[in-house]
Amino acid sequence: METARALQHAIGGGSLALAAVGILKPRLAAWTGVEPPEARGLGFRDLVIGAAVYADPRIGYLQRAIVDVGDALVFARRNGVVSALGVGSAALAVYARTRV
């Protein structure tokens, strides 16, 4: 599988998986420090981003990078691991954007 397609599936599929958890099982997100209503909201946000990655990767990757930087800043005080994951995910999205 070519790199661009693998990145699209990793980022788009990952966003859709996070969306499913946030929407359907929001209590599973408790380890991140969010309450269920917030987890649902983040789930719907990730659903839109996952769809955007498949509809137009250039826009979807930018959306993913922007919200992940925002999440890294917000979660820096709540959960350092989640904050670090946000930075890593944003970096991957920026890299993927250079591959399309």
Protein backbone atom coordinates (compact mmCIF):
# COMPACT_ATOMS: atom_id res chain seq x y z
CA MET A 1 0.00 0.00 0.00
CA GLU A 2 1.41 3.39 -0.89
CA THR A 3 2.33 5.82 1.90
CA ALA A 4 -0.35 8.39 1.07
CA ARG A 5 -3.12 5.79 1.18
CA ALA A 6 -1.78 4.25 4.41
CA LEU A 7 -1.69 7.68 6.05
CA GLN A 8 -5.22 8.41 4.90
CA HIS A 9 -6.50 5.18 6.44
CA ALA A 10 -4.52 5.67 9.65
CA ILE A 11 -5.69 9.23 10.21
CA GLY A 12 -9.19 8.92 8.75
CA GLY A 13 -9.87 5.52 10.26
CA GLY A 14 -8.39 6.58 13.59
CA SER A 15 -10.60 9.66 13.65
CA LEU A 16 -13.68 7.56 12.88
CA ALA A 17 -12.74 5.03 15.59
CA LEU A 18 -12.33 7.81 18.15
CA ALA A 19 -15.66 9.21 17.01
CA ALA A 20 -17.40 5.88 17.56
CA VAL A 21 -16.01 5.56 21.07
CA GLY A 22 -16.87 9.15 21.97
CA ILE A 23 -20.41 8.91 20.66
CA LEU A 24 -21.33 5.34 21.58
CA LYS A 25 -19.25 4.71 24.72
CA PRO A 26 -18.33 8.13 26.12
CA ARG A 27 -17.48 6.73 29.56
CA LEU A 28 -14.49 4.93 28.01
CA ALA A 29 -12.93 8.36 27.54
CA ALA A 30 -12.84 8.97 31.31
CA TRP A 31 -9.11 8.18 31.42
CA THR A 32 -8.49 11.34 29.38
CA GLY A 33 -10.17 13.55 31.96
CA VAL A 34 -13.33 14.37 29.99
CA GLU A 35 -16.90 13.90 31.12
CA PRO A 36 -19.33 11.93 28.90
CA PRO A 37 -21.05 15.00 27.38
CA GLU A 38 -17.68 16.43 26.36
CA ALA A 39 -16.59 13.04 25.00
CA ARG A 40 -19.72 12.94 22.82
CA GLY A 41 -18.98 16.40 21.46
CA LEU A 42 -15.41 15.42 20.68
CA GLY A 43 -16.76 12.25 19.07
CA PHE A 44 -18.98 14.21 16.69
CA ARG A 45 -16.06 16.51 15.92
CA ASP A 46 -13.87 13.51 15.10
CA LEU A 47 -16.64 12.03 12.95
CA VAL A 48 -16.62 15.16 10.79
CA ILE A 49 -12.82 15.17 10.59
CA GLY A 50 -12.66 11.48 9.68
CA ALA A 51 -15.19 12.04 6.90
CA ALA A 52 -13.21 15.07 5.70
CA VAL A 53 -10.00 13.03 5.52
CA TYR A 54 -11.70 10.68 3.08
CA ALA A 55 -13.61 13.38 1.17
CA ASP A 56 -10.68 15.79 0.74
CA PRO A 57 -7.49 14.73 2.52
CA ARG A 58 -5.87 18.14 2.19
CA ILE A 59 -8.64 19.78 4.21
CA GLY A 60 -9.14 16.83 6.56
CA TYR A 61 -5.45 16.68 7.50
CA LEU A 62 -5.40 20.41 8.26
CA GLN A 63 -8.50 20.06 10.41
CA ARG A 64 -6.94 17.13 12.26
CA ALA A 65 -3.71 19.04 12.87
CA ILE A 66 -5.49 22.17 14.12
CA VAL A 67 -7.78 20.39 16.58
CA ASP A 68 -4.96 18.16 17.81
CA VAL A 69 -2.80 21.19 18.64
CA GLY A 70 -5.80 22.66 20.45
CA ASP A 71 -6.36 19.39 22.31
CA ALA A 72 -2.68 19.27 23.28
CA LEU A 73 -2.99 22.70 24.86
CA VAL A 74 -6.27 21.93 26.65
CA PHE A 75 -5.17 18.52 27.89
CA ALA A 76 -1.74 19.71 29.02
CA ARG A 77 -3.29 20.48 32.41
CA ARG A 78 -5.57 17.44 32.54
CA ASN A 79 -3.51 14.57 31.18
CA GLY A 80 0.04 14.87 29.88
CA VAL A 81 -0.17 11.60 27.94
CA VAL A 82 -3.19 12.81 25.98
CA SER A 83 -1.44 16.12 25.37
CA ALA A 84 1.62 14.33 23.96
CA LEU A 85 -0.59 12.14 21.77
CA GLY A 86 -2.23 15.30 20.43
CA VAL A 87 1.15 16.75 19.46
CA GLY A 88 2.15 13.49 17.78
CA SER A 89 -1.12 13.21 15.92
CA ALA A 90 -0.86 16.82 14.75
CA ALA A 91 2.66 16.18 13.47
CA LEU A 92 1.49 13.08 11.59
CA ALA A 93 -1.38 15.03 10.04
CA VAL A 94 0.98 17.78 8.89
CA TYR A 95 3.31 15.15 7.40
CA ALA A 96 0.36 13.46 5.67
CA ARG A 97 -0.69 16.84 4.24
CA THR A 98 2.71 17.08 2.53
CA ARG A 99 2.14 13.69 0.89
CA VAL A 100 -1.09 14.58 -1.02
